[in-house]
Amino acid sequence: MLDMRLSARADYALRAAIELAATDRSHVTAEQLARAQHIPGKFLEAILTQLRRAGLVRSQRGPEGGFWLARPADEISLADVIRAIDGPLVGVRGERPEKVGYIRAAEPLQTVWIAVRANERAILEEVTLEHIVSGHLPARIRKLADDPRAWASGPA
């Protein structure tokens, strides 16, 4: 069984981006974000730098400084944030699935990894920061999450 793993950096980045999407202020300081989401300050600063470089947030220094989303929340998907922090969504031994070759009986395994990536992309690219902030997730996502098997924990 496959288990999706999200790095702490990506989790913190998602929470910071969602907090930015939820604010009614024009900008939020890194300190305010760190406090609101219980994220270590220095760790958050590095994450915000990555999000800025990826074009997802903007920043301004100085007494009136802070961070804000570079695009509307409904134009930033969860996949955008995760990729900005961790790179490609699914990798096999650090490689993209299409670059990993298998031989003999294991050959179809590559197709499975590509399907896993496609499924993960379909969800993470569909859900935006606005969906999270509003609490109105797409119907397809709710349907997947409503399946009791989605909540069952499997072997570790």
C-alpha atoms as a PDB file:
ATOM      1  CA  MET A   1       0.000   0.000   0.000  1.00  0.00           C
ATOM      2  CA  LEU A   2       1.243   3.466  -0.860  1.00  0.00           C
ATOM      3  CA  ASP A   3       1.250   6.201   1.710  1.00  0.00           C
ATOM      4  CA  MET A   4       1.389   9.831   0.658  1.00  0.00           C
ATOM      5  CA  ARG A   5       4.020  11.654   2.646  1.00  0.00           C
ATOM      6  CA  LEU A   6       4.001  15.402   2.962  1.00  0.00           C
ATOM      7  CA  SER A   7       7.129  17.062   4.314  1.00  0.00           C
ATOM      8  CA  ALA A   8       6.893  19.344   7.337  1.00  0.00           C
ATOM      9  CA  ARG A   9       8.062  22.183   5.081  1.00  0.00           C
ATOM     10  CA  ALA A  10       5.204  21.582   2.623  1.00  0.00           C
ATOM     11  CA  ASP A  11       2.671  21.282   5.474  1.00  0.00           C
ATOM     12  CA  TYR A  12       3.885  24.574   6.966  1.00  0.00           C
ATOM     13  CA  ALA A  13       3.856  26.221   3.527  1.00  0.00           C
ATOM     14  CA  LEU A  14       0.255  25.141   2.935  1.00  0.00           C
ATOM     15  CA  ARG A  15      -0.807  26.432   6.344  1.00  0.00           C
ATOM     16  CA  ALA A  16       0.963  29.767   5.796  1.00  0.00           C
ATOM     17  CA  ALA A  17      -0.553  30.177   2.314  1.00  0.00           C
ATOM     18  CA  ILE A  18      -4.022  29.327   3.638  1.00  0.00           C
ATOM     19  CA  GLU A  19      -3.568  31.853   6.445  1.00  0.00           C
ATOM     20  CA  LEU A  20      -2.613  34.491   3.858  1.00  0.00           C
ATOM     21  CA  ALA A  21      -5.693  33.582   1.812  1.00  0.00           C
ATOM     22  CA  ALA A  22      -7.911  33.880   4.884  1.00  0.00           C
ATOM     23  CA  THR A  23      -6.710  37.279   6.046  1.00  0.00           C
ATOM     24  CA  ASP A  24      -8.739  40.390   5.500  1.00  0.00           C
ATOM     25  CA  ARG A  25      -5.629  42.550   5.849  1.00  0.00           C
ATOM     26  CA  SER A  26      -3.558  43.746   2.919  1.00  0.00           C
ATOM     27  CA  HIS A  27      -0.480  41.998   4.289  1.00  0.00           C
ATOM     28  CA  VAL A  28       0.607  39.790   7.177  1.00  0.00           C
ATOM     29  CA  THR A  29       4.018  39.683   8.824  1.00  0.00           C
ATOM     30  CA  ALA A  30       5.977  36.467   9.073  1.00  0.00           C
ATOM     31  CA  GLU A  31       5.673  36.734  12.857  1.00  0.00           C
ATOM     32  CA  GLN A  32       1.869  36.935  12.633  1.00  0.00           C
ATOM     33  CA  LEU A  33       1.787  33.907  10.321  1.00  0.00           C
ATOM     34  CA  ALA A  34       4.110  31.941  12.588  1.00  0.00           C
ATOM     35  CA  ARG A  35       1.966  32.712  15.636  1.00  0.00           C
ATOM     36  CA  ALA A  36      -1.337  31.997  13.887  1.00  0.00           C
ATOM     37  CA  GLN A  37      -0.242  28.571  12.640  1.00  0.00           C
ATOM     38  CA  HIS A  38       2.319  27.620  15.327  1.00  0.00           C
ATOM     39  CA  ILE A  39       5.178  27.457  12.836  1.00  0.00           C
ATOM     40  CA  PRO A  40       8.765  28.057  13.980  1.00  0.00           C
ATOM     41  CA  GLY A  41       9.688  31.583  12.847  1.00  0.00           C
ATOM     42  CA  LYS A  42      13.051  30.927  11.208  1.00  0.00           C
ATOM     43  CA  PHE A  43      11.657  27.872   9.446  1.00  0.00           C
ATOM     44  CA  LEU A  44       8.734  29.945   8.155  1.00  0.00           C
ATOM     45  CA  GLU A  45      11.006  32.694   6.823  1.00  0.00           C
ATOM     46  CA  ALA A  46      12.833  30.176   4.623  1.00  0.00           C
ATOM     47  CA  ILE A  47       9.499  28.763   3.421  1.00  0.00           C
ATOM     48  CA  LEU A  48       8.144  32.216   2.590  1.00  0.00           C
ATOM     49  CA  THR A  49      11.297  32.904   0.582  1.00  0.00           C
ATOM     50  CA  GLN A  50      10.654  29.750  -1.465  1.00  0.00           C
ATOM     51  CA  LEU A  51       7.013  30.706  -2.001  1.00  0.00           C
ATOM     52  CA  ARG A  52       8.087  34.192  -3.099  1.00  0.00           C
ATOM     53  CA  ARG A  53      10.628  32.775  -5.557  1.00  0.00           C
ATOM     54  CA  ALA A  54       7.918  30.508  -6.965  1.00  0.00           C
ATOM     55  CA  GLY A  55       5.704  33.555  -7.548  1.00  0.00           C
ATOM     56  CA  LEU A  56       3.024  32.489  -5.061  1.00  0.00           C
ATOM     57  CA  VAL A  57       3.525  35.246  -2.489  1.00  0.00           C
ATOM     58  CA  ARG A  58       4.810  38.777  -2.591  1.00  0.00           C
ATOM     59  CA  SER A  59       6.560  40.664   0.145  1.00  0.00           C
ATOM     60  CA  GLN A  60       7.542  44.138   1.198  1.00  0.00           C
ATOM     61  CA  ARG A  61      10.138  45.091   3.786  1.00  0.00           C
ATOM     62  CA  GLY A  62       9.894  47.825   6.353  1.00  0.00           C
ATOM     63  CA  PRO A  63       7.396  48.974   8.988  1.00  0.00           C
ATOM     64  CA  GLU A  64       4.489  48.563   6.560  1.00  0.00           C
ATOM     65  CA  GLY A  65       5.945  45.317   5.263  1.00  0.00           C
ATOM     66  CA  GLY A  66       4.673  41.796   5.219  1.00  0.00           C
ATOM     67  CA  PHE A  67       3.473  39.057   2.902  1.00  0.00           C
ATOM     68  CA  TRP A  68       0.415  38.580   0.718  1.00  0.00           C
ATOM     69  CA  LEU A  69      -0.647  36.191  -2.035  1.00  0.00           C
ATOM     70  CA  ALA A  70       0.691  37.036  -5.483  1.00  0.00           C
ATOM     71  CA  ARG A  71      -2.502  35.754  -7.139  1.00  0.00           C
ATOM     72  CA  PRO A  72      -6.103  35.336  -5.999  1.00  0.00           C
ATOM     73  CA  ALA A  73      -6.619  32.360  -3.682  1.00  0.00           C
ATOM     74  CA  ASP A  74      -8.838  30.635  -6.238  1.00  0.00           C
ATOM     75  CA  GLU A  75      -5.891  30.601  -8.672  1.00  0.00           C
ATOM     76  CA  ILE A  76      -3.410  28.892  -6.336  1.00  0.00           C
ATOM     77  CA  SER A  77      -3.777  25.132  -5.989  1.00  0.00           C
ATOM     78  CA  LEU A  78      -2.439  22.997  -3.192  1.00  0.00           C
ATOM     79  CA  ALA A  79      -0.191  21.384  -5.821  1.00  0.00           C
ATOM     80  CA  ASP A  80       1.342  24.797  -6.630  1.00  0.00           C
ATOM     81  CA  VAL A  81       2.378  25.263  -2.999  1.00  0.00           C
ATOM     82  CA  ILE A  82       3.681  21.717  -2.543  1.00  0.00           C
ATOM     83  CA  ARG A  83       5.723  21.863  -5.753  1.00  0.00           C
ATOM     84  CA  ALA A  84       7.246  25.203  -4.720  1.00  0.00           C
ATOM     85  CA  ILE A  85       8.576  23.566  -1.563  1.00  0.00           C
ATOM     86  CA  ASP A  86       9.184  19.900  -2.404  1.00  0.00           C
ATOM     87  CA  GLY A  87       9.362  19.751  -6.205  1.00  0.00           C
ATOM     88  CA  PRO A  88       7.462  17.116  -8.215  1.00  0.00           C
ATOM     89  CA  LEU A  89       4.509  15.515  -6.469  1.00  0.00           C
ATOM     90  CA  VAL A  90       5.465  11.860  -6.849  1.00  0.00           C
ATOM     91  CA  GLY A  91       8.962  10.543  -7.181  1.00  0.00           C
ATOM     92  CA  VAL A  92      10.491   7.088  -7.124  1.00  0.00           C
ATOM     93  CA  ARG A  93      13.924   7.036  -5.545  1.00  0.00           C
ATOM     94  CA  GLY A  94      14.157  10.780  -6.220  1.00  0.00           C
ATOM     95  CA  GLU A  95      13.265  10.451  -9.918  1.00  0.00           C
ATOM     96  CA  ARG A  96      10.126  11.191 -11.894  1.00  0.00           C
ATOM     97  CA  PRO A  97       8.195   7.939 -12.494  1.00  0.00           C
ATOM     98  CA  GLU A  98       8.610   8.135 -16.277  1.00  0.00           C
ATOM     99  CA  LYS A  99      12.406   8.200 -15.811  1.00  0.00           C
ATOM    100  CA  VAL A 100      12.490   5.028 -13.699  1.00  0.00           C
ATOM    101  CA  GLY A 101      12.684   1.852 -15.734  1.00  0.00           C
ATOM    102  CA  TYR A 102      11.788  -1.628 -14.605  1.00  0.00           C
ATOM    103  CA  ILE A 103      12.548  -4.876 -16.308  1.00  0.00           C
ATOM    104  CA  ARG A 104      10.932  -8.255 -16.640  1.00  0.00           C
ATOM    105  CA  ALA A 105       8.103  -9.007 -14.211  1.00  0.00           C
ATOM    106  CA  ALA A 106       8.365  -5.572 -12.513  1.00  0.00           C
ATOM    107  CA  GLU A 107       7.930  -3.607 -15.768  1.00  0.00           C
ATOM    108  CA  PRO A 108       4.252  -2.645 -15.122  1.00  0.00           C
ATOM    109  CA  LEU A 109       5.284  -0.986 -11.842  1.00  0.00           C
ATOM    110  CA  GLN A 110       6.211   2.194 -13.731  1.00  0.00           C
ATOM    111  CA  THR A 111       2.628   2.466 -14.990  1.00  0.00           C
ATOM    112  CA  VAL A 112       1.355   2.160 -11.412  1.00  0.00           C
ATOM    113  CA  TRP A 113       3.623   5.023 -10.226  1.00  0.00           C
ATOM    114  CA  ILE A 114       2.465   7.202 -13.115  1.00  0.00           C
ATOM    115  CA  ALA A 115      -1.176   6.455 -12.239  1.00  0.00           C
ATOM    116  CA  VAL A 116      -0.509   7.330  -8.584  1.00  0.00           C
ATOM    117  CA  ARG A 117       0.986  10.639  -9.670  1.00  0.00           C
ATOM    118  CA  ALA A 118      -1.971  11.349 -11.988  1.00  0.00           C
ATOM    119  CA  ASN A 119      -4.452  10.645  -9.197  1.00  0.00           C
ATOM    120  CA  GLU A 120      -2.571  12.805  -6.702  1.00  0.00           C
ATOM    121  CA  ARG A 121      -2.280  15.611  -9.252  1.00  0.00           C
ATOM    122  CA  ALA A 122      -6.001  15.420 -10.046  1.00  0.00           C
ATOM    123  CA  ILE A 123      -6.832  16.117  -6.411  1.00  0.00           C
ATOM    124  CA  LEU A 124      -4.095  18.581  -5.449  1.00  0.00           C
ATOM    125  CA  GLU A 125      -4.414  20.624  -8.643  1.00  0.00           C
ATOM    126  CA  GLU A 126      -8.196  20.862  -8.300  1.00  0.00           C
ATOM    127  CA  VAL A 127      -8.271  22.092  -4.706  1.00  0.00           C
ATOM    128  CA  THR A 128      -7.341  25.757  -4.283  1.00  0.00           C
ATOM    129  CA  LEU A 129      -6.534  27.883  -1.272  1.00  0.00           C
ATOM    130  CA  GLU A 130      -9.993  29.437  -1.693  1.00  0.00           C
ATOM    131  CA  HIS A 131     -11.638  26.003  -1.380  1.00  0.00           C
ATOM    132  CA  ILE A 132      -9.859  25.485   1.945  1.00  0.00           C
ATOM    133  CA  VAL A 133     -10.566  28.969   3.304  1.00  0.00           C
ATOM    134  CA  SER A 134     -14.253  28.845   2.325  1.00  0.00           C
ATOM    135  CA  GLY A 135     -14.682  25.270   3.534  1.00  0.00           C
ATOM    136  CA  HIS A 136     -16.390  24.446   0.243  1.00  0.00           C
ATOM    137  CA  LEU A 137     -14.366  21.604  -1.216  1.00  0.00           C
ATOM    138  CA  PRO A 138     -15.195  20.324  -4.712  1.00  0.00           C
ATOM    139  CA  ALA A 139     -17.893  17.624  -4.702  1.00  0.00           C
ATOM    140  CA  ARG A 140     -15.500  15.025  -6.113  1.00  0.00           C
ATOM    141  CA  ILE A 141     -13.078  15.617  -3.243  1.00  0.00           C
ATOM    142  CA  ARG A 142     -15.845  15.367  -0.643  1.00  0.00           C
ATOM    143  CA  LYS A 143     -17.056  12.119  -2.238  1.00  0.00           C
ATOM    144  CA  LEU A 144     -13.579  10.602  -2.019  1.00  0.00           C
ATOM    145  CA  ALA A 145     -13.219  11.682   1.610  1.00  0.00           C
ATOM    146  CA  ASP A 146     -16.700  10.387   2.511  1.00  0.00           C
ATOM    147  CA  ASP A 147     -15.687   6.829   1.618  1.00  0.00           C
ATOM    148  CA  PRO A 148     -15.056   5.066   4.968  1.00  0.00           C
ATOM    149  CA  ARG A 149     -12.034   3.335   3.438  1.00  0.00           C
ATOM    150  CA  ALA A 150     -10.386   6.751   3.080  1.00  0.00           C
ATOM    151  CA  TRP A 151     -10.396   7.114   6.871  1.00  0.00           C
ATOM    152  CA  ALA A 152      -9.229   3.587   7.681  1.00  0.00           C
ATOM    153  CA  SER A 153      -5.611   3.435   8.675  1.00  0.00           C
ATOM    154  CA  GLY A 154      -3.703   0.674   7.001  1.00  0.00           C
ATOM    155  CA  PRO A 155      -0.399  -0.917   7.877  1.00  0.00           C
ATOM    156  CA  ALA A 156       2.389   1.534   8.589  1.00  0.00           C
END
